[in-house]
Protein backbone atom coordinates (compact mmCIF):
# COMPACT_ATOMS: atom_id res chain seq x y z
CA MET A 1 128.76 88.74 42.32
CA GLU A 2 127.33 85.38 41.28
CA PRO A 3 129.88 82.68 40.38
CA GLU A 4 130.23 81.53 36.78
CA PHE A 5 129.01 78.06 35.92
CA LYS A 6 132.04 75.80 36.19
CA ARG A 7 131.15 72.10 35.96
CA PHE A 8 128.36 69.59 35.66
CA ARG A 9 127.14 67.77 38.74
CA SER A 10 128.27 64.11 38.67
CA LEU A 11 125.55 61.65 37.69
CA PRO A 12 124.30 59.19 40.34
CA GLN A 13 126.18 55.88 40.50
CA PHE A 14 124.62 52.70 41.89
CA ASP A 15 125.95 49.49 43.40
CA PRO A 16 125.21 46.64 40.96
CA TYR A 17 123.81 44.59 43.85
CA LEU A 18 121.25 47.34 44.58
CA VAL A 19 120.28 47.55 40.91
CA GLN A 20 119.77 43.80 40.73
CA ARG A 21 117.72 43.77 43.90
CA CYS A 22 115.49 46.55 42.56
CA ARG A 23 115.03 44.59 39.33
CA GLU A 24 114.09 41.39 41.17
CA GLN A 25 111.70 43.19 43.48
CA GLY A 26 110.19 45.33 40.72
CA ASN A 27 110.87 48.38 42.89
CA ALA A 28 112.40 51.45 41.23
CA MET A 29 112.08 53.71 44.27
CA PRO A 30 115.64 53.48 45.72
CA LEU A 31 117.15 54.36 42.33
CA MET A 32 114.46 56.83 41.24
CA PHE A 33 114.91 58.60 44.56
CA GLU A 34 118.53 59.45 43.70
CA TRP A 35 117.74 60.57 40.14
CA TYR A 36 114.89 62.74 41.40
CA LYS A 37 117.14 64.39 43.97
CA HIS A 38 119.76 64.89 41.27
CA VAL A 39 117.31 66.72 38.98
CA ALA A 40 116.31 69.02 41.86
CA LEU A 41 119.94 69.93 42.54
CA VAL A 42 120.65 70.44 38.83
CA ALA A 43 117.67 72.82 38.66
CA LEU A 44 119.26 74.87 41.42
CA ASP A 45 122.55 74.84 39.49
CA MET A 46 120.81 76.11 36.34
CA ALA A 47 118.84 78.80 38.17
CA SER A 48 122.11 79.99 39.71
CA ILE A 49 123.95 80.51 36.41
CA SER A 50 125.35 84.04 36.54
CA ILE A 51 124.27 86.72 34.09
CA ASN A 52 128.04 87.22 33.67
CA GLN A 53 128.43 83.71 32.27
CA PRO A 54 129.89 83.92 28.74
CA GLY A 55 127.08 83.52 26.24
CA HIS A 56 124.34 84.61 28.66
CA VAL A 57 121.64 86.48 26.73
CA ASN A 58 120.70 89.93 28.03
CA ARG A 59 117.23 89.35 29.47
CA TYR A 60 114.86 91.68 31.33
CA GLY A 61 115.52 91.21 35.03
CA VAL A 62 111.91 90.54 36.05
CA HIS A 63 111.49 87.88 33.35
CA LEU A 64 114.68 86.15 34.42
CA GLY A 65 113.61 86.46 38.04
CA ILE A 66 110.27 84.77 37.34
CA LEU A 67 111.96 81.80 35.71
CA ARG A 68 114.61 81.56 38.40
CA GLY A 69 111.90 81.70 41.03
CA LEU A 70 109.87 78.93 39.40
CA LEU A 71 112.94 76.71 39.10
CA ASN A 72 113.82 77.38 42.72
CA ARG A 73 110.24 76.57 43.72
CA CYS A 74 110.35 73.26 41.84
CA ALA A 75 113.73 72.34 43.31
CA ARG A 76 112.81 73.19 46.89
CA LEU A 77 109.51 71.33 46.73
CA MET A 78 111.35 68.35 45.26
CA LEU A 79 113.91 68.40 48.05
CA SER A 80 111.05 68.59 50.56
CA THR A 81 109.59 65.54 48.82
CA VAL A 82 112.92 63.77 49.25
CA LYS A 83 112.71 64.25 53.02
CA LEU A 84 109.18 62.89 53.14
CA ALA A 85 109.78 59.96 50.78
CA HIS A 86 112.98 58.94 52.58
CA ASP A 87 110.94 57.42 55.41
CA ARG A 88 108.59 55.59 52.98
CA LYS A 89 105.49 57.34 54.26
CA CYS A 90 103.36 60.45 53.56
CA GLY A 91 102.52 59.28 50.04
CA GLU A 92 99.52 61.62 50.10
CA THR A 93 101.78 64.64 50.56
CA VAL A 94 104.25 63.41 47.94
CA ALA A 95 101.37 63.14 45.44
CA LEU A 96 100.18 66.65 46.28
CA LEU A 97 103.66 68.10 45.88
CA ALA A 98 104.11 66.27 42.57
CA ARG A 99 101.05 68.12 41.23
CA CYS A 100 102.39 71.50 42.41
CA ILE A 101 105.88 70.86 41.01
CA SER A 102 104.54 69.76 37.64
CA GLU A 103 102.35 72.84 37.25
CA SER A 104 105.22 75.20 38.07
CA ALA A 105 107.53 73.34 35.67
CA LEU A 106 104.97 73.57 32.87
CA LYS A 107 104.39 77.30 33.42
CA ALA A 108 108.13 77.99 33.51
CA GLN A 109 108.64 75.98 30.34
CA TRP A 110 105.81 77.82 28.59
CA LEU A 111 107.23 81.22 29.57
CA ALA A 112 110.78 80.30 28.57
CA ARG A 113 109.76 78.91 25.19
CA ARG A 114 107.55 81.88 24.34
CA GLY A 115 109.97 84.42 25.82
CA ASP A 116 107.84 87.45 24.95
CA PRO A 117 106.95 90.30 27.34
CA GLU A 118 103.20 89.71 26.97
CA SER A 119 103.41 86.16 28.33
CA PHE A 120 105.38 87.29 31.39
CA LEU A 121 102.91 90.13 31.95
CA ARG A 122 100.07 87.58 31.86
CA PHE A 123 101.88 85.57 34.54
CA VAL A 124 102.35 88.63 36.77
CA GLY A 125 98.86 89.94 36.07
CA ASP A 126 97.34 86.64 37.17
CA ALA A 127 98.78 87.16 40.66
CA VAL A 128 98.28 90.92 40.87
CA ARG A 129 94.58 90.81 39.96
CA THR A 130 93.97 88.46 42.89
CA ASP A 131 95.89 90.77 45.20
CA LEU A 132 93.89 93.77 43.97
CA LYS A 133 90.65 92.03 44.94
CA LEU A 134 91.99 91.76 48.48
CA ARG A 135 93.02 95.44 48.41
CA ASP A 136 89.55 96.50 47.31
CA LEU A 137 87.93 94.47 50.11
CA ILE A 138 90.27 96.03 52.69
CA ASN A 139 89.55 99.56 51.44
CA ALA A 140 85.82 98.83 51.50
CA ASN A 141 86.03 97.62 55.11
CA VAL A 142 88.03 100.70 56.12
CA ALA A 143 85.49 103.00 54.43
CA GLU A 144 82.59 101.21 56.14
CA ARG A 145 84.18 101.72 59.56
CA GLY A 146 84.85 105.35 58.75
CA GLY A 147 88.26 105.31 60.37
CA PRO A 148 91.92 104.79 59.52
CA PRO A 149 93.07 101.31 58.43
CA TRP A 150 94.22 98.89 61.08
CA VAL A 151 97.89 98.02 61.32
CA ILE A 152 97.30 94.59 59.77
CA GLU A 153 95.32 96.16 56.92
CA GLU A 154 98.04 98.69 56.22
CA ARG A 155 100.61 95.91 56.16
CA MET A 156 98.54 93.93 53.65
CA LEU A 157 98.00 97.01 51.46
CA ARG A 158 101.75 97.66 51.38
CA SER A 159 102.31 94.04 50.38
CA VAL A 160 99.93 94.38 47.41
CA GLU A 161 101.71 97.52 46.28
CA ARG A 162 105.14 95.94 46.70
CA VAL A 163 104.20 93.03 44.42
CA MET A 164 103.39 95.45 41.58
CA VAL A 165 106.42 97.67 42.16
CA LYS A 166 108.87 94.77 42.11
CA ALA A 167 107.29 93.45 38.91
CA GLY A 168 107.57 96.88 37.29
CA VAL A 169 103.90 96.90 36.29
CA SER A 170 101.10 99.33 36.96
CA GLU A 171 97.66 98.41 38.19
CA ALA A 172 96.27 99.28 34.78
CA ASP A 173 98.79 96.98 33.05
CA ALA A 174 97.98 94.09 35.37
CA VAL A 175 94.22 94.47 34.99
CA ALA A 176 94.45 94.79 31.20
CA ALA A 177 96.73 91.76 30.78
CA LYS A 178 95.18 88.70 29.18
CA GLN A 179 94.38 85.75 31.41
CA LEU A 180 96.99 83.03 31.66
CA PRO A 181 96.02 80.06 29.50
CA SER A 182 94.67 77.00 31.26
CA LEU A 183 97.08 74.20 32.01
CA TYR A 184 95.37 72.22 29.27
CA ASP A 185 96.18 74.95 26.73
CA ILE A 186 99.73 75.25 28.07
CA CYS A 187 100.28 71.52 27.57
CA ARG A 188 98.86 71.69 24.04
CA ASP A 189 100.96 74.77 23.24
CA LEU A 190 104.09 72.94 24.38
CA GLY A 191 103.26 69.97 22.15
CA TYR A 192 102.43 67.46 24.86
CA HIS A 193 99.86 64.74 24.28
CA ASP A 194 96.54 65.12 26.12
CA THR A 195 97.56 62.15 28.27
CA LEU A 196 100.05 64.37 30.07
CA TYR A 197 97.39 66.94 30.93
CA VAL A 198 95.04 64.27 32.26
CA SER A 199 97.77 62.56 34.32
CA VAL A 200 99.35 65.77 35.66
CA GLN A 201 96.37 68.07 36.10
CA ARG A 202 93.23 65.98 36.34
CA ILE A 203 94.58 62.92 38.15
CA GLY A 204 97.07 65.04 40.08
CA SER A 205 94.22 67.22 41.31
CA HIS A 206 92.84 64.30 43.32
CA ALA A 207 95.63 64.87 45.84
CA VAL A 208 95.12 68.64 45.90
CA HIS A 209 91.35 68.66 46.35
CA GLY A 210 90.80 65.54 48.44
CA THR A 211 88.45 63.72 46.08
CA TRP A 212 86.88 60.31 46.68
CA SER A 213 89.71 58.69 44.73
CA ASP A 214 92.28 60.43 46.92
CA LEU A 215 90.52 59.32 50.11
CA LEU A 216 90.59 55.69 48.95
CA PHE A 217 94.25 55.87 47.96
CA HIS A 218 95.58 57.54 51.08
CA TYR A 219 93.15 58.15 53.93
CA ILE A 220 90.58 55.37 54.42
CA ASP A 221 90.35 51.58 54.06
CA ARG A 222 87.22 49.50 53.74
CA GLU A 223 86.72 47.19 56.70
CA PRO A 224 85.27 43.64 56.50
CA ASP A 225 81.96 44.91 57.94
CA GLY A 226 81.65 47.50 55.15
CA SER A 227 82.63 50.51 57.25
CA PHE A 228 85.69 52.67 56.54
CA GLY A 229 88.62 52.95 58.91
CA LEU A 230 91.41 55.51 58.91
CA ARG A 231 94.76 54.83 57.26
CA ASP A 232 97.96 55.98 58.94
CA ASN A 233 100.59 57.87 56.96
CA VAL A 234 102.97 54.92 57.25
CA GLU A 235 100.48 52.97 55.11
CA SER A 236 100.55 55.64 52.42
CA VAL A 237 103.83 54.72 50.73
CA PRO A 238 105.14 57.11 48.02
CA HIS A 239 105.09 55.72 44.50
CA SER A 240 107.97 56.15 42.05
CA ASN A 241 105.52 57.64 39.51
CA HIS A 242 105.24 60.71 41.74
CA LEU A 243 108.98 61.21 41.30
CA LEU A 244 109.23 60.15 37.66
CA GLY A 245 106.74 62.61 36.17
CA PRO A 246 107.96 65.83 37.83
CA ALA A 247 111.62 64.93 37.17
CA LEU A 248 111.04 64.42 33.43
CA LEU A 249 108.91 67.55 33.15
CA LEU A 250 111.51 69.63 34.95
CA LEU A 251 114.20 68.36 32.56
CA ASP A 252 112.11 69.67 29.65
CA THR A 253 111.79 72.96 31.51
CA LEU A 254 115.54 73.15 32.05
CA ARG A 255 116.07 72.66 28.31
CA ALA A 256 113.73 75.59 27.65
CA TYR A 257 115.39 77.72 30.33
CA ILE A 258 118.88 77.10 28.98
CA GLY A 259 117.63 78.09 25.54
CA PHE A 260 116.20 81.27 27.07
CA ILE A 261 119.40 82.36 28.83
CA LEU A 262 122.18 80.82 26.72
CA ASP A 263 120.61 80.48 23.26
CA ASN A 264 123.01 78.41 21.08
CA SER A 265 126.19 78.93 23.09
CA PRO A 266 128.65 76.03 23.52
CA LEU A 267 127.59 75.65 27.16
CA ALA A 268 123.94 75.33 26.10
CA LYS A 269 124.80 72.49 23.72
CA SER A 270 126.82 70.70 26.40
CA LEU A 271 123.97 71.05 28.88
CA GLU A 272 121.51 69.60 26.37
CA SER A 273 123.65 66.46 26.15
CA TYR A 274 123.91 66.37 29.94
CA PHE A 275 120.11 66.58 30.32
CA ASP A 276 119.75 63.75 27.79
CA GLU A 277 122.04 61.58 29.93
CA ILE A 278 119.93 62.28 33.00
CA GLN A 279 116.72 61.47 31.13
CA ARG A 280 118.14 58.17 29.88
CA GLY A 281 119.13 57.24 33.41
CA ILE A 282 115.65 58.00 34.76
CA LEU A 283 113.88 56.05 32.02
CA GLU A 284 116.23 53.08 32.41
CA VAL A 285 115.43 52.91 36.11
CA ASP A 286 111.70 53.09 35.43
CA HIS A 287 111.96 50.34 32.80
CA LEU A 288 114.10 48.19 35.08
CA ALA A 289 111.29 47.96 37.62
CA ARG A 290 108.43 47.63 35.12
CA PRO A 291 109.79 46.07 31.94
CA ASP A 292 106.40 44.78 30.77
CA ASP A 293 104.37 47.97 31.18
CA PHE A 294 104.09 48.60 27.44
CA GLU A 295 103.59 45.00 26.39
CA PRO A 296 100.15 43.69 25.35
CA VAL A 297 98.18 41.96 28.09
CA PRO A 298 98.45 38.18 27.39
CA GLY A 299 95.19 36.72 26.12
CA LYS A 300 93.46 40.10 26.02
CA PRO A 301 91.75 40.77 22.67
CA PRO A 302 92.50 44.09 20.97
CA ALA A 303 90.05 46.93 21.55
CA MET A 304 87.39 47.30 18.88
């Protein structure tokens, strides 16, 4: 039996000397690193809240499993990021993971806020339809050979079937389900400004797809003679922005998840205040390193 939720994880505490040094150097990374790790661990705490917890809403097991799985995915990818970022290298991989984490957090938040069976079916159907295309190709290859399926083919066919069985959906249900909305529509549905979509999806996709921008940021440097040399991963230092964005998004997702499982219970209200404290800490650290980011550029005329 899963344990009941007992206490909140203690917030990170910092040596004043370290805080001052980060302020003087304009470097939020040492502090952001700890807040980011904290959010990942809190996500695991939230995903582990027992269905026997007082106030827990009776939810369909598959729906709860999807949200738990997405939170676990976010947390584990964040903890993997922590290992990479700890050595101040592999910024290209940190950027890629930030994009993956943000998308999963947004999808989980969208599902939790909507909370209806159709939305969860759309999520499952999106995966199953892809798997069914693979099944059809395997069956076509088997038919063309005119013999029994190979062992590897049979294993893959069983995997496709298992995905549907564990989701409790039929092939007909999965095929008939509406497409998942685009990430742009998810962001708009959740009330985010278009800036978030552009920064998370469009700019974040540089790292996923290996665009020209991504190559310049992480993989090549222009040489004095005009040629391009290779950059080593130690030159690709992770940026605090790649920790800031996913951490804040996941906090919003945790708010939605707690609303989904605990509704307006006393624990839910306490957790909301706890998440607010975490968010304030993250934003204070970001502001500490870049206090002038939202100030007008001196001497720059306003845009016409």
